[in-house]
Amino acid sequence: MSGDFPILQIVGYQNSGKTTFMELLIKRLAHQNMKVGCLKHHGHGGEPASATKGKDTNRYLEAGSAISGVEGGGVFQLTARRDLLLEQLIPIYELLAIDCLLIEGFKQAAYQKIVMVRDEKDKHLLEQLEGIIAVIYRDQKPQLSPLDCPIFHIKDPGAISFIFNYLKEEGACLNDLA
């Protein structure tokens, strides 16, 4: 935990279902009036596509600005052109009065993790990571040596319930979650 909210990572290889599962989780948490912060690591090399191509904020970046932001209609978008460590990004979220932070990626960070696996071929990832609290598989349940954590299918509602309970234990403001 950092600041006033719990942090939970959703990690796995590309196409393991991370984003799909994050969407399901965010919808359920938001339905419970929870303010969820999300942070994604663009781990595919290169710069992520800018949502502001051709706009003033992107022009400022192209001109050499290290950081550029825009606010309008209740939306604030911030782009920083520099390598930032996860530990430098989390304090930004602390300013936003959220109830929890879900991080997609940053596999080697030292936060509690939900590990997404596609099938048997991905199970070696479990040996490389620490802080695993659950494993969620997308296609085929992998044969795993005994783990000290539950294993769920991506569509199993028990996975969401497990995360609710984890967040509640970590101090998130959850209203009568089932």
C-alpha atoms as a PDB file:
ATOM      1  CA  MET A   1       0.000   0.000   0.000  1.00  0.00           C
ATOM      2  CA  SER A   2       1.131   3.518  -0.743  1.00  0.00           C
ATOM      3  CA  GLY A   3      -0.407   6.763   0.392  1.00  0.00           C
ATOM      4  CA  ASP A   4      -4.039   6.379   1.384  1.00  0.00           C
ATOM      5  CA  PHE A   5      -5.047   3.684  -1.087  1.00  0.00           C
ATOM      6  CA  PRO A   6      -4.181   0.092  -1.911  1.00  0.00           C
ATOM      7  CA  ILE A   7      -2.225  -0.715  -5.056  1.00  0.00           C
ATOM      8  CA  LEU A   8      -2.806  -3.893  -7.049  1.00  0.00           C
ATOM      9  CA  GLN A   9      -0.966  -4.937 -10.184  1.00  0.00           C
ATOM     10  CA  ILE A  10      -2.458  -6.930 -13.047  1.00  0.00           C
ATOM     11  CA  VAL A  11       0.464  -8.491 -14.921  1.00  0.00           C
ATOM     12  CA  GLY A  12       1.038 -11.017 -17.674  1.00  0.00           C
ATOM     13  CA  TYR A  13       2.259 -11.371 -21.214  1.00  0.00           C
ATOM     14  CA  GLN A  14       0.707  -9.638 -24.207  1.00  0.00           C
ATOM     15  CA  ASN A  15      -2.766 -11.006 -25.066  1.00  0.00           C
ATOM     16  CA  SER A  16      -3.153 -12.729 -21.701  1.00  0.00           C
ATOM     17  CA  GLY A  17      -6.366 -10.810 -20.943  1.00  0.00           C
ATOM     18  CA  LYS A  18      -4.958  -8.059 -18.706  1.00  0.00           C
ATOM     19  CA  THR A  19      -6.922  -5.200 -20.247  1.00  0.00           C
ATOM     20  CA  THR A  20     -10.122  -7.245 -20.544  1.00  0.00           C
ATOM     21  CA  PHE A  21      -9.917  -8.251 -16.900  1.00  0.00           C
ATOM     22  CA  MET A  22      -9.073  -4.686 -15.815  1.00  0.00           C
ATOM     23  CA  GLU A  23     -12.190  -3.454 -17.641  1.00  0.00           C
ATOM     24  CA  LEU A  24     -14.393  -6.014 -15.855  1.00  0.00           C
ATOM     25  CA  LEU A  25     -12.869  -5.121 -12.508  1.00  0.00           C
ATOM     26  CA  ILE A  26     -13.118  -1.358 -13.043  1.00  0.00           C
ATOM     27  CA  LYS A  27     -16.792  -1.619 -14.073  1.00  0.00           C
ATOM     28  CA  ARG A  28     -17.650  -3.576 -10.925  1.00  0.00           C
ATOM     29  CA  LEU A  29     -15.690  -1.265  -8.636  1.00  0.00           C
ATOM     30  CA  ALA A  30     -17.113   1.875 -10.264  1.00  0.00           C
ATOM     31  CA  HIS A  31     -20.616   0.391  -9.915  1.00  0.00           C
ATOM     32  CA  GLN A  32     -19.913   0.371  -6.163  1.00  0.00           C
ATOM     33  CA  ASN A  33     -19.043   4.092  -6.327  1.00  0.00           C
ATOM     34  CA  MET A  34     -15.370   3.388  -5.860  1.00  0.00           C
ATOM     35  CA  LYS A  35     -12.926   5.903  -7.322  1.00  0.00           C
ATOM     36  CA  VAL A  36     -10.481   3.719  -9.221  1.00  0.00           C
ATOM     37  CA  GLY A  37      -7.171   5.005 -10.516  1.00  0.00           C
ATOM     38  CA  CYS A  38      -5.529   3.121 -13.378  1.00  0.00           C
ATOM     39  CA  LEU A  39      -1.995   3.163 -14.673  1.00  0.00           C
ATOM     40  CA  LYS A  40      -0.768   1.169 -17.653  1.00  0.00           C
ATOM     41  CA  HIS A  41       2.782   0.395 -18.622  1.00  0.00           C
ATOM     42  CA  HIS A  42       3.359   0.597 -22.367  1.00  0.00           C
ATOM     43  CA  GLY A  43       5.683  -2.359 -22.541  1.00  0.00           C
ATOM     44  CA  HIS A  44       5.753  -2.937 -26.285  1.00  0.00           C
ATOM     45  CA  GLY A  45       8.700  -0.682 -27.032  1.00  0.00           C
ATOM     46  CA  GLY A  46       8.580   2.794 -28.439  1.00  0.00           C
ATOM     47  CA  GLU A  47       6.312   5.634 -27.559  1.00  0.00           C
ATOM     48  CA  PRO A  48       2.582   5.016 -27.046  1.00  0.00           C
ATOM     49  CA  ALA A  49       0.273   6.656 -29.550  1.00  0.00           C
ATOM     50  CA  SER A  50      -0.652  10.142 -28.428  1.00  0.00           C
ATOM     51  CA  ALA A  51      -4.301  10.917 -27.882  1.00  0.00           C
ATOM     52  CA  THR A  52      -3.551  14.544 -28.779  1.00  0.00           C
ATOM     53  CA  LYS A  53      -1.861  14.242 -32.201  1.00  0.00           C
ATOM     54  CA  GLY A  54      -2.062  17.579 -33.978  1.00  0.00           C
ATOM     55  CA  LYS A  55      -3.438  19.367 -30.921  1.00  0.00           C
ATOM     56  CA  ASP A  56      -1.705  22.175 -29.029  1.00  0.00           C
ATOM     57  CA  THR A  57      -0.526  19.899 -26.206  1.00  0.00           C
ATOM     58  CA  ASN A  58       1.177  17.595 -28.691  1.00  0.00           C
ATOM     59  CA  ARG A  59       2.682  20.584 -30.511  1.00  0.00           C
ATOM     60  CA  TYR A  60       4.205  21.722 -27.204  1.00  0.00           C
ATOM     61  CA  LEU A  61       5.756  18.266 -26.754  1.00  0.00           C
ATOM     62  CA  GLU A  62       7.088  18.261 -30.296  1.00  0.00           C
ATOM     63  CA  ALA A  63       8.607  21.686 -29.640  1.00  0.00           C
ATOM     64  CA  GLY A  64      10.535  20.230 -26.708  1.00  0.00           C
ATOM     65  CA  SER A  65       8.287  20.574 -23.662  1.00  0.00           C
ATOM     66  CA  ALA A  66       8.997  17.905 -21.043  1.00  0.00           C
ATOM     67  CA  ILE A  67       5.387  17.892 -19.864  1.00  0.00           C
ATOM     68  CA  SER A  68       2.143  19.089 -21.386  1.00  0.00           C
ATOM     69  CA  GLY A  69      -1.391  19.022 -20.029  1.00  0.00           C
ATOM     70  CA  VAL A  70      -4.887  19.988 -20.979  1.00  0.00           C
ATOM     71  CA  GLU A  71      -8.130  20.181 -19.004  1.00  0.00           C
ATOM     72  CA  GLY A  72     -11.614  20.565 -20.343  1.00  0.00           C
ATOM     73  CA  GLY A  73     -15.067  19.238 -19.632  1.00  0.00           C
ATOM     74  CA  GLY A  74     -13.884  17.544 -16.469  1.00  0.00           C
ATOM     75  CA  VAL A  75     -11.086  15.656 -18.213  1.00  0.00           C
ATOM     76  CA  PHE A  76      -7.440  16.252 -17.430  1.00  0.00           C
ATOM     77  CA  GLN A  77      -4.854  14.675 -19.704  1.00  0.00           C
ATOM     78  CA  LEU A  78      -1.177  14.852 -18.859  1.00  0.00           C
ATOM     79  CA  THR A  79       1.691  13.806 -21.088  1.00  0.00           C
ATOM     80  CA  ALA A  80       5.273  13.820 -19.908  1.00  0.00           C
ATOM     81  CA  ARG A  81       8.115  13.178 -22.327  1.00  0.00           C
ATOM     82  CA  ARG A  82      10.603  11.486 -20.051  1.00  0.00           C
ATOM     83  CA  ASP A  83      11.250   8.077 -18.580  1.00  0.00           C
ATOM     84  CA  LEU A  84       9.464   7.887 -15.254  1.00  0.00           C
ATOM     85  CA  LEU A  85       9.753   5.144 -12.694  1.00  0.00           C
ATOM     86  CA  LEU A  86       6.606   3.686 -11.203  1.00  0.00           C
ATOM     87  CA  GLU A  87       7.609   5.210  -7.869  1.00  0.00           C
ATOM     88  CA  GLN A  88       7.540   8.654  -9.512  1.00  0.00           C
ATOM     89  CA  LEU A  89       4.107   8.105 -11.056  1.00  0.00           C
ATOM     90  CA  ILE A  90       2.234   6.905  -7.969  1.00  0.00           C
ATOM     91  CA  PRO A  91       2.481  10.281  -6.126  1.00  0.00           C
ATOM     92  CA  ILE A  92       0.562  11.870  -9.018  1.00  0.00           C
ATOM     93  CA  TYR A  93      -2.310   9.484  -8.287  1.00  0.00           C
ATOM     94  CA  GLU A  94      -2.103  10.336  -4.577  1.00  0.00           C
ATOM     95  CA  LEU A  95      -3.200  13.871  -5.499  1.00  0.00           C
ATOM     96  CA  LEU A  96      -6.393  12.601  -7.141  1.00  0.00           C
ATOM     97  CA  ALA A  97      -8.335  11.270  -4.095  1.00  0.00           C
ATOM     98  CA  ILE A  98      -8.798   7.737  -5.404  1.00  0.00           C
ATOM     99  CA  ASP A  99      -9.822   4.653  -3.418  1.00  0.00           C
ATOM    100  CA  CYS A 100      -7.385   2.259  -5.101  1.00  0.00           C
ATOM    101  CA  LEU A 101      -4.830   2.121  -7.901  1.00  0.00           C
ATOM    102  CA  LEU A 102      -4.853  -0.691 -10.438  1.00  0.00           C
ATOM    103  CA  ILE A 103      -1.614  -1.003 -12.364  1.00  0.00           C
ATOM    104  CA  GLU A 104      -1.447  -2.931 -15.619  1.00  0.00           C
ATOM    105  CA  GLY A 105       2.100  -4.091 -16.148  1.00  0.00           C
ATOM    106  CA  PHE A 106       5.359  -3.079 -14.451  1.00  0.00           C
ATOM    107  CA  LYS A 107       5.870  -6.812 -13.730  1.00  0.00           C
ATOM    108  CA  GLN A 108       8.951  -6.387 -11.549  1.00  0.00           C
ATOM    109  CA  ALA A 109       7.461  -3.762  -9.213  1.00  0.00           C
ATOM    110  CA  ALA A 110       7.074  -4.772  -5.577  1.00  0.00           C
ATOM    111  CA  TYR A 111       3.279  -4.564  -5.242  1.00  0.00           C
ATOM    112  CA  GLN A 112       0.760  -7.374  -4.802  1.00  0.00           C
ATOM    113  CA  LYS A 113      -0.062  -8.972  -8.146  1.00  0.00           C
ATOM    114  CA  ILE A 114      -2.759 -10.778 -10.046  1.00  0.00           C
ATOM    115  CA  VAL A 115      -0.927 -12.779 -12.732  1.00  0.00           C
ATOM    116  CA  MET A 116      -2.751 -13.398 -16.007  1.00  0.00           C
ATOM    117  CA  VAL A 117      -1.755 -16.493 -17.998  1.00  0.00           C
ATOM    118  CA  ARG A 118      -3.066 -17.696 -21.320  1.00  0.00           C
ATOM    119  CA  ASP A 119      -2.236 -21.356 -20.873  1.00  0.00           C
ATOM    120  CA  GLU A 120       0.491 -23.789 -19.881  1.00  0.00           C
ATOM    121  CA  LYS A 121       3.163 -21.897 -21.847  1.00  0.00           C
ATOM    122  CA  ASP A 122       2.902 -18.854 -19.568  1.00  0.00           C
ATOM    123  CA  LYS A 123       3.287 -20.618 -16.227  1.00  0.00           C
ATOM    124  CA  HIS A 124       7.048 -19.948 -16.024  1.00  0.00           C
ATOM    125  CA  LEU A 125       6.130 -16.293 -15.398  1.00  0.00           C
ATOM    126  CA  LEU A 126       4.939 -17.344 -11.940  1.00  0.00           C
ATOM    127  CA  GLU A 127       8.477 -18.389 -11.037  1.00  0.00           C
ATOM    128  CA  GLN A 128       9.850 -14.955 -11.972  1.00  0.00           C
ATOM    129  CA  LEU A 129       7.511 -12.781  -9.888  1.00  0.00           C
ATOM    130  CA  GLU A 130       6.962 -12.002  -6.234  1.00  0.00           C
ATOM    131  CA  GLY A 131       3.837 -10.819  -4.447  1.00  0.00           C
ATOM    132  CA  ILE A 132       1.398 -13.040  -6.365  1.00  0.00           C
ATOM    133  CA  ILE A 133      -1.996 -13.152  -4.637  1.00  0.00           C
ATOM    134  CA  ALA A 134      -3.969 -14.880  -7.441  1.00  0.00           C
ATOM    135  CA  VAL A 135      -3.587 -16.388 -10.901  1.00  0.00           C
ATOM    136  CA  ILE A 136      -6.189 -15.887 -13.616  1.00  0.00           C
ATOM    137  CA  TYR A 137      -6.075 -17.947 -16.791  1.00  0.00           C
ATOM    138  CA  ARG A 138      -7.651 -17.046 -20.113  1.00  0.00           C
ATOM    139  CA  ASP A 139      -7.761 -20.182 -22.246  1.00  0.00           C
ATOM    140  CA  GLN A 140      -6.728 -23.375 -20.551  1.00  0.00           C
ATOM    141  CA  LYS A 141      -6.082 -23.945 -16.850  1.00  0.00           C
ATOM    142  CA  PRO A 142      -2.345 -24.545 -16.504  1.00  0.00           C
ATOM    143  CA  GLN A 143      -1.044 -27.426 -14.439  1.00  0.00           C
ATOM    144  CA  LEU A 144       0.669 -25.578 -11.621  1.00  0.00           C
ATOM    145  CA  SER A 145       2.738 -26.876  -8.772  1.00  0.00           C
ATOM    146  CA  PRO A 146       1.062 -26.023  -5.474  1.00  0.00           C
ATOM    147  CA  LEU A 147       0.700 -22.270  -5.121  1.00  0.00           C
ATOM    148  CA  ASP A 148      -0.282 -20.348  -2.022  1.00  0.00           C
ATOM    149  CA  CYS A 149      -2.920 -18.471  -3.964  1.00  0.00           C
ATOM    150  CA  PRO A 150      -6.215 -19.135  -5.740  1.00  0.00           C
ATOM    151  CA  ILE A 151      -6.504 -19.790  -9.475  1.00  0.00           C
ATOM    152  CA  PHE A 152      -9.515 -18.474 -11.425  1.00  0.00           C
ATOM    153  CA  HIS A 153     -10.778 -18.484 -15.000  1.00  0.00           C
ATOM    154  CA  ILE A 154     -11.043 -14.931 -16.382  1.00  0.00           C
ATOM    155  CA  LYS A 155     -14.870 -15.177 -16.450  1.00  0.00           C
ATOM    156  CA  ASP A 156     -15.175 -16.640 -12.940  1.00  0.00           C
ATOM    157  CA  PRO A 157     -17.028 -14.089 -10.765  1.00  0.00           C
ATOM    158  CA  GLY A 158     -15.049 -15.473  -7.816  1.00  0.00           C
ATOM    159  CA  ALA A 159     -12.003 -13.633  -9.158  1.00  0.00           C
ATOM    160  CA  ILE A 160     -13.729 -10.260  -8.750  1.00  0.00           C
ATOM    161  CA  SER A 161     -15.016 -11.232  -5.289  1.00  0.00           C
ATOM    162  CA  PHE A 162     -11.498 -12.232  -4.278  1.00  0.00           C
ATOM    163  CA  ILE A 163     -10.150  -8.838  -5.364  1.00  0.00           C
ATOM    164  CA  PHE A 164     -12.986  -6.994  -3.579  1.00  0.00           C
ATOM    165  CA  ASN A 165     -12.047  -8.777  -0.363  1.00  0.00           C
ATOM    166  CA  TYR A 166      -8.360  -8.020  -0.886  1.00  0.00           C
ATOM    167  CA  LEU A 167      -9.054  -4.318  -1.469  1.00  0.00           C
ATOM    168  CA  LYS A 168     -11.355  -4.158   1.556  1.00  0.00           C
ATOM    169  CA  GLU A 169      -8.654  -5.740   3.753  1.00  0.00           C
ATOM    170  CA  GLU A 170      -6.128  -3.228   2.412  1.00  0.00           C
ATOM    171  CA  GLY A 171      -8.320  -0.312   3.392  1.00  0.00           C
ATOM    172  CA  ALA A 172     -10.162   0.642   0.219  1.00  0.00           C
ATOM    173  CA  CYS A 173     -13.487   2.413   0.720  1.00  0.00           C
ATOM    174  CA  LEU A 174     -15.915  -0.234  -0.492  1.00  0.00           C
ATOM    175  CA  ASN A 175     -19.657  -0.034   0.088  1.00  0.00           C
ATOM    176  CA  ASP A 176     -21.206  -3.424   0.916  1.00  0.00           C
ATOM    177  CA  LEU A 177     -19.490  -5.305  -1.859  1.00  0.00           C
ATOM    178  CA  ALA A 178     -20.687  -8.826  -2.480  1.00  0.00           C
END
